[in-house]
C-alpha atoms as a PDB file:
ATOM      1  CA  MET A   1      80.018  -3.157 -63.392  1.00  0.00           C
ATOM      2  CA  ARG A   2      81.064  -5.970 -65.198  1.00  0.00           C
ATOM      3  CA  ALA A   3      83.635  -8.952 -63.715  1.00  0.00           C
ATOM      4  CA  GLY A   4      87.092  -9.733 -65.760  1.00  0.00           C
ATOM      5  CA  LYS A   5      89.491 -12.121 -64.538  1.00  0.00           C
ATOM      6  CA  VAL A   6      93.192 -10.374 -64.129  1.00  0.00           C
ATOM      7  CA  GLU A   7      95.648 -13.543 -63.247  1.00  0.00           C
ATOM      8  CA  GLY A   8      93.214 -15.415 -61.648  1.00  0.00           C
ATOM      9  CA  LYS A   9      91.666 -12.019 -59.566  1.00  0.00           C
ATOM     10  CA  THR A  10      88.822 -10.708 -60.107  1.00  0.00           C
ATOM     11  CA  SER A  11      88.544  -7.416 -61.142  1.00  0.00           C
ATOM     12  CA  LEU A  12      85.656  -4.739 -61.940  1.00  0.00           C
ATOM     13  CA  ARG A  13      86.017  -2.250 -64.813  1.00  0.00           C
ATOM     14  CA  ARG A  14      82.972   0.302 -65.071  1.00  0.00           C
ATOM     15  CA  GLU A  15      80.581   0.143 -68.127  1.00  0.00           C
ATOM     16  CA  ASP A  16      81.618   2.712 -70.617  1.00  0.00           C
ATOM     17  CA  PRO A  17      79.771   5.579 -70.321  1.00  0.00           C
ATOM     18  CA  ARG A  18      78.742   5.963 -73.710  1.00  0.00           C
ATOM     19  CA  VAL A  19      76.959   2.510 -73.233  1.00  0.00           C
ATOM     20  CA  LEU A  20      75.211   4.267 -70.409  1.00  0.00           C
ATOM     21  CA  ARG A  21      73.899   6.632 -71.718  1.00  0.00           C
ATOM     22  CA  SER A  22      72.694   4.861 -74.925  1.00  0.00           C
ATOM     23  CA  LYS A  23      70.835   2.341 -72.583  1.00  0.00           C
ATOM     24  CA  ARG A  24      69.265   5.325 -70.294  1.00  0.00           C
ATOM     25  CA  ASP A  25      68.057   6.848 -73.495  1.00  0.00           C
ATOM     26  CA  LEU A  26      66.747   3.869 -75.272  1.00  0.00           C
ATOM     27  CA  GLY A  27      64.656   3.133 -72.197  1.00  0.00           C
ATOM     28  CA  ASP A  28      63.322   6.609 -71.723  1.00  0.00           C
ATOM     29  CA  ALA A  29      62.317   6.648 -75.243  1.00  0.00           C
ATOM     30  CA  LEU A  30      60.396   3.566 -74.724  1.00  0.00           C
ATOM     31  CA  GLU A  31      59.169   4.630 -71.932  1.00  0.00           C
ATOM     32  CA  TYR A  32      57.467   7.812 -73.025  1.00  0.00           C
ATOM     33  CA  LEU A  33      56.545   5.961 -76.220  1.00  0.00           C
ATOM     34  CA  LEU A  34      54.407   4.126 -74.139  1.00  0.00           C
ATOM     35  CA  THR A  35      52.318   6.728 -72.795  1.00  0.00           C
ATOM     36  CA  LYS A  36      51.174   7.456 -76.741  1.00  0.00           C
ATOM     37  CA  LYS A  37      50.863   3.611 -77.756  1.00  0.00           C
ATOM     38  CA  ASN A  38      50.978   0.101 -76.960  1.00  0.00           C
ATOM     39  CA  PHE A  39      54.089  -1.846 -76.610  1.00  0.00           C
ATOM     40  CA  SER A  40      52.969  -4.094 -79.476  1.00  0.00           C
ATOM     41  CA  ASP A  41      52.912  -0.806 -81.562  1.00  0.00           C
ATOM     42  CA  ILE A  42      55.992   0.125 -80.606  1.00  0.00           C
ATOM     43  CA  THR A  43      58.915  -0.708 -83.524  1.00  0.00           C
ATOM     44  CA  ILE A  44      62.641  -0.771 -82.686  1.00  0.00           C
ATOM     45  CA  LYS A  45      62.818   1.854 -85.459  1.00  0.00           C
ATOM     46  CA  GLU A  46      60.441   4.542 -83.369  1.00  0.00           C
ATOM     47  CA  ILE A  47      62.374   3.534 -80.484  1.00  0.00           C
ATOM     48  CA  ALA A  48      66.250   4.576 -82.060  1.00  0.00           C
ATOM     49  CA  ASP A  49      64.838   7.155 -83.852  1.00  0.00           C
ATOM     50  CA  THR A  50      62.880   8.813 -80.905  1.00  0.00           C
ATOM     51  CA  ALA A  51      66.099   7.750 -78.343  1.00  0.00           C
ATOM     52  CA  MET A  52      68.585   9.906 -81.235  1.00  0.00           C
ATOM     53  CA  VAL A  53      70.440   7.072 -81.895  1.00  0.00           C
ATOM     54  CA  SER A  54      70.603   4.159 -84.759  1.00  0.00           C
ATOM     55  CA  LYS A  55      69.136   1.191 -84.613  1.00  0.00           C
ATOM     56  CA  LEU A  56      72.701  -0.736 -84.461  1.00  0.00           C
ATOM     57  CA  THR A  57      73.077   0.793 -81.435  1.00  0.00           C
ATOM     58  CA  PHE A  58      69.292  -0.404 -80.611  1.00  0.00           C
ATOM     59  CA  TYR A  59      70.904  -4.091 -81.181  1.00  0.00           C
ATOM     60  CA  ASN A  60      74.154  -3.389 -79.921  1.00  0.00           C
ATOM     61  CA  ASN A  61      72.559  -2.872 -76.695  1.00  0.00           C
ATOM     62  CA  PHE A  62      69.305  -4.970 -76.231  1.00  0.00           C
ATOM     63  CA  ALA A  63      68.201  -8.116 -78.131  1.00  0.00           C
ATOM     64  CA  ASP A  64      64.856  -7.090 -78.892  1.00  0.00           C
ATOM     65  CA  LYS A  65      62.331  -4.974 -77.670  1.00  0.00           C
ATOM     66  CA  ASN A  66      61.393  -7.116 -74.283  1.00  0.00           C
ATOM     67  CA  ASP A  67      65.272  -6.704 -73.484  1.00  0.00           C
ATOM     68  CA  LEU A  68      64.783  -3.239 -73.349  1.00  0.00           C
ATOM     69  CA  LEU A  69      61.325  -3.541 -71.584  1.00  0.00           C
ATOM     70  CA  SER A  70      63.543  -5.969 -68.847  1.00  0.00           C
ATOM     71  CA  PHE A  71      65.931  -3.431 -68.852  1.00  0.00           C
ATOM     72  CA  ILE A  72      62.972  -0.564 -67.980  1.00  0.00           C
ATOM     73  CA  PHE A  73      61.721  -2.780 -65.647  1.00  0.00           C
ATOM     74  CA  THR A  74      65.207  -3.664 -64.054  1.00  0.00           C
ATOM     75  CA  ARG A  75      65.603   0.290 -63.406  1.00  0.00           C
ATOM     76  CA  ARG A  76      62.481   0.692 -61.993  1.00  0.00           C
ATOM     77  CA  ILE A  77      63.021  -1.846 -59.347  1.00  0.00           C
ATOM     78  CA  ASP A  78      66.293  -1.079 -58.517  1.00  0.00           C
ATOM     79  CA  GLN A  79      64.900   2.360 -56.780  1.00  0.00           C
ATOM     80  CA  MET A  80      63.317   0.212 -54.344  1.00  0.00           C
ATOM     81  CA  ARG A  81      66.488  -1.435 -53.422  1.00  0.00           C
ATOM     82  CA  VAL A  82      68.414   0.895 -51.452  1.00  0.00           C
ATOM     83  CA  PRO A  83      65.327   1.891 -49.045  1.00  0.00           C
ATOM     84  CA  ILE A  84      64.687  -1.676 -48.853  1.00  0.00           C
ATOM     85  CA  THR A  85      68.356  -2.868 -48.187  1.00  0.00           C
ATOM     86  CA  LYS A  86      68.975  -0.257 -45.617  1.00  0.00           C
ATOM     87  CA  PHE A  87      65.959  -1.361 -43.650  1.00  0.00           C
ATOM     88  CA  ILE A  88      67.015  -4.920 -43.835  1.00  0.00           C
ATOM     89  CA  ALA A  89      70.364  -3.078 -42.191  1.00  0.00           C
ATOM     90  CA  THR A  90      68.605  -1.653 -39.275  1.00  0.00           C
ATOM     91  CA  HIS A  91      67.584  -3.693 -35.878  1.00  0.00           C
ATOM     92  CA  HIS A  92      64.102  -4.195 -37.208  1.00  0.00           C
ATOM     93  CA  ASP A  93      62.405  -7.487 -35.991  1.00  0.00           C
ATOM     94  CA  VAL A  94      61.658  -9.917 -39.324  1.00  0.00           C
ATOM     95  CA  LYS A  95      58.382  -9.243 -39.557  1.00  0.00           C
ATOM     96  CA  GLU A  96      58.603  -5.374 -39.301  1.00  0.00           C
ATOM     97  CA  ILE A  97      61.313  -6.457 -42.169  1.00  0.00           C
ATOM     98  CA  TYR A  98      58.981  -8.680 -44.126  1.00  0.00           C
ATOM     99  CA  GLY A  99      56.033  -6.193 -43.594  1.00  0.00           C
ATOM    100  CA  PHE A 100      58.259  -3.463 -44.992  1.00  0.00           C
ATOM    101  CA  CYS A 101      59.327  -5.191 -47.698  1.00  0.00           C
ATOM    102  CA  ILE A 102      55.907  -5.822 -48.634  1.00  0.00           C
ATOM    103  CA  ARG A 103      54.391  -2.186 -48.463  1.00  0.00           C
ATOM    104  CA  GLU A 104      57.360  -1.279 -50.688  1.00  0.00           C
ATOM    105  CA  VAL A 105      56.982  -3.070 -53.437  1.00  0.00           C
ATOM    106  CA  VAL A 106      53.169  -3.245 -53.437  1.00  0.00           C
ATOM    107  CA  GLY A 107      53.511   0.535 -52.798  1.00  0.00           C
ATOM    108  CA  PHE A 108      55.657   0.565 -56.797  1.00  0.00           C
ATOM    109  CA  PHE A 109      53.555  -1.671 -58.371  1.00  0.00           C
ATOM    110  CA  TYR A 110      50.610   0.710 -57.515  1.00  0.00           C
ATOM    111  CA  ASN A 111      52.385   3.850 -58.624  1.00  0.00           C
ATOM    112  CA  VAL A 112      54.323   2.941 -61.903  1.00  0.00           C
ATOM    113  CA  SER A 113      53.000   4.169 -64.894  1.00  0.00           C
ATOM    114  CA  ASN A 114      49.358   3.626 -66.262  1.00  0.00           C
ATOM    115  CA  GLN A 115      51.616   2.612 -69.182  1.00  0.00           C
ATOM    116  CA  LEU A 116      54.038   0.101 -67.895  1.00  0.00           C
ATOM    117  CA  LYS A 117      50.789  -1.400 -66.049  1.00  0.00           C
ATOM    118  CA  GLU A 118      49.179  -1.981 -69.310  1.00  0.00           C
ATOM    119  CA  VAL A 119      52.137  -3.881 -70.464  1.00  0.00           C
ATOM    120  CA  VAL A 120      52.309  -5.772 -67.438  1.00  0.00           C
ATOM    121  CA  ALA A 121      48.817  -6.853 -67.776  1.00  0.00           C
ATOM    122  CA  ASN A 122      49.322  -7.563 -71.499  1.00  0.00           C
ATOM    123  CA  ASP A 123      52.937  -9.730 -71.451  1.00  0.00           C
ATOM    124  CA  LYS A 124      52.840 -12.536 -72.414  1.00  0.00           C
ATOM    125  CA  SER A 125      56.508 -12.895 -71.610  1.00  0.00           C
ATOM    126  CA  ARG A 126      56.084 -12.305 -68.349  1.00  0.00           C
ATOM    127  CA  THR A 127      59.354 -10.310 -68.406  1.00  0.00           C
ATOM    128  CA  PHE A 128      58.259  -7.763 -65.707  1.00  0.00           C
ATOM    129  CA  TYR A 129      57.238 -10.967 -63.648  1.00  0.00           C
ATOM    130  CA  TRP A 130      60.448 -12.737 -63.949  1.00  0.00           C
ATOM    131  CA  THR A 131      62.763  -9.248 -62.688  1.00  0.00           C
ATOM    132  CA  LEU A 132      60.267  -8.736 -60.248  1.00  0.00           C
ATOM    133  CA  ALA A 133      60.762 -12.178 -58.772  1.00  0.00           C
ATOM    134  CA  GLY A 134      63.911 -11.858 -58.616  1.00  0.00           C
ATOM    135  CA  PHE A 135      64.560  -8.878 -56.810  1.00  0.00           C
ATOM    136  CA  ILE A 136      61.585  -9.456 -54.276  1.00  0.00           C
ATOM    137  CA  GLU A 137      63.580 -13.425 -53.733  1.00  0.00           C
ATOM    138  CA  LYS A 138      67.121 -11.691 -52.933  1.00  0.00           C
ATOM    139  CA  VAL A 139      65.384  -9.187 -50.452  1.00  0.00           C
ATOM    140  CA  LEU A 140      63.842 -12.025 -49.093  1.00  0.00           C
ATOM    141  CA  GLU A 141      66.837 -14.195 -48.954  1.00  0.00           C
ATOM    142  CA  ASP A 142      68.980 -11.204 -47.967  1.00  0.00           C
ATOM    143  CA  ALA A 143      66.513 -10.887 -44.802  1.00  0.00           C
ATOM    144  CA  ALA A 144      66.619 -14.713 -43.862  1.00  0.00           C
ATOM    145  CA  GLU A 145      70.349 -14.503 -44.056  1.00  0.00           C
ATOM    146  CA  LYS A 146      69.683 -11.845 -41.215  1.00  0.00           C
ATOM    147  CA  PHE A 147      67.539 -13.214 -39.252  1.00  0.00           C
ATOM    148  CA  GLY A 148      68.794 -17.627 -39.570  1.00  0.00           C
ATOM    149  CA  SER A 149      66.403 -19.326 -37.705  1.00  0.00           C
ATOM    150  CA  LYS A 150      64.554 -16.861 -35.715  1.00  0.00           C
ATOM    151  CA  VAL A 151      62.328 -16.636 -39.166  1.00  0.00           C
ATOM    152  CA  GLY A 152      61.449 -20.437 -37.320  1.00  0.00           C
ATOM    153  CA  LEU A 153      61.664 -21.802 -40.326  1.00  0.00           C
ATOM    154  CA  ASP A 154      64.165 -24.663 -40.708  1.00  0.00           C
ATOM    155  CA  VAL A 155      64.359 -24.154 -44.370  1.00  0.00           C
ATOM    156  CA  PRO A 156      66.731 -23.069 -46.882  1.00  0.00           C
ATOM    157  CA  LYS A 157      66.968 -19.553 -47.432  1.00  0.00           C
ATOM    158  CA  GLU A 158      66.755 -20.075 -51.191  1.00  0.00           C
ATOM    159  CA  LEU A 159      63.471 -21.638 -50.885  1.00  0.00           C
ATOM    160  CA  VAL A 160      62.532 -19.156 -48.202  1.00  0.00           C
ATOM    161  CA  GLY A 161      62.901 -16.481 -50.419  1.00  0.00           C
ATOM    162  CA  SER A 162      61.609 -18.755 -53.672  1.00  0.00           C
ATOM    163  CA  PHE A 163      58.578 -19.232 -52.343  1.00  0.00           C
ATOM    164  CA  TYR A 164      57.547 -16.175 -51.346  1.00  0.00           C
ATOM    165  CA  ALA A 165      58.707 -14.153 -54.221  1.00  0.00           C
ATOM    166  CA  GLY A 166      56.326 -16.335 -56.393  1.00  0.00           C
ATOM    167  CA  ALA A 167      53.574 -15.970 -54.057  1.00  0.00           C
ATOM    168  CA  ILE A 168      53.792 -11.827 -53.844  1.00  0.00           C
ATOM    169  CA  SER A 169      55.019 -11.568 -57.664  1.00  0.00           C
ATOM    170  CA  ASN A 170      52.082 -13.801 -58.912  1.00  0.00           C
ATOM    171  CA  THR A 171      49.676 -12.152 -56.790  1.00  0.00           C
ATOM    172  CA  LEU A 172      50.832  -8.474 -58.553  1.00  0.00           C
ATOM    173  CA  TYR A 173      51.173  -9.882 -61.814  1.00  0.00           C
ATOM    174  CA  LYS A 174      47.549 -11.595 -61.736  1.00  0.00           C
ATOM    175  CA  PHE A 175      46.362  -8.501 -60.522  1.00  0.00           C
ATOM    176  CA  ALA A 176      47.939  -5.827 -62.496  1.00  0.00           C
ATOM    177  CA  SER A 177      44.666  -4.785 -65.023  1.00  0.00           C
ATOM    178  CA  LYS A 178      42.486  -4.592 -61.604  1.00  0.00           C
ATOM    179  CA  LEU A 179      44.200  -2.755 -59.305  1.00  0.00           C
ATOM    180  CA  ASN A 180      41.487   0.107 -59.244  1.00  0.00           C
ATOM    181  CA  SER A 181      39.293  -2.889 -58.032  1.00  0.00           C
ATOM    182  CA  ILE A 182      41.760  -3.449 -54.701  1.00  0.00           C
ATOM    183  CA  LYS A 183      43.232  -0.503 -53.215  1.00  0.00           C
ATOM    184  CA  GLU A 184      47.038  -0.566 -52.478  1.00  0.00           C
ATOM    185  CA  LYS A 185      46.451  -0.420 -48.397  1.00  0.00           C
ATOM    186  CA  GLU A 186      44.602  -3.441 -48.931  1.00  0.00           C
ATOM    187  CA  MET A 187      47.062  -5.428 -51.054  1.00  0.00           C
ATOM    188  CA  GLU A 188      49.813  -4.647 -48.118  1.00  0.00           C
ATOM    189  CA  GLU A 189      46.729  -6.466 -45.856  1.00  0.00           C
ATOM    190  CA  TYR A 190      45.759  -9.190 -48.039  1.00  0.00           C
ATOM    191  CA  ILE A 191      49.702 -10.532 -48.939  1.00  0.00           C
ATOM    192  CA  THR A 192      50.919  -9.653 -45.744  1.00  0.00           C
ATOM    193  CA  LYS A 193      48.069 -11.818 -43.768  1.00  0.00           C
ATOM    194  CA  MET A 194      48.809 -14.735 -46.897  1.00  0.00           C
ATOM    195  CA  VAL A 195      52.641 -14.121 -46.393  1.00  0.00           C
ATOM    196  CA  SER A 196      52.309 -14.458 -42.446  1.00  0.00           C
END
């Protein structure tokens, strides 16, 4: 949704369904093409042709391939948002909530397609890193806000979120190409120990 000003008030307008459909189709097209070839070898024309839209439609929605890639990652990460938000709203303690968040993020990272893992491992722009870090930061800020001083840190919630988001994202990002050498459960345990 986009926010707009109307006589000093903020109103929400839904994005045009055709625009949403175009973005979805372009994202699906890129994900499909990633099963066939490397990200660097995929052209915008191929993406548009696969999505059955024009290049103009592509550029009306995305600045470039990295922008579309960021959209794909955000779309995937948004799938994690619902269970994590629900879990934070429960009556679990802070340790259980942080543990759940770490399990969800690590599990997501291990379960994305091999093609997306390959993109992450070779992504010089760090598109996925910043998308993931922003998501983790927001989740941890929400958890810190819920628990306030119970976290045991006399630190602003933004710093807590930023610190842990950077640590978790960088660890997963650095090991993207080596995930086969560390099992998912082990990675969860290692990250949990390090952030505890």
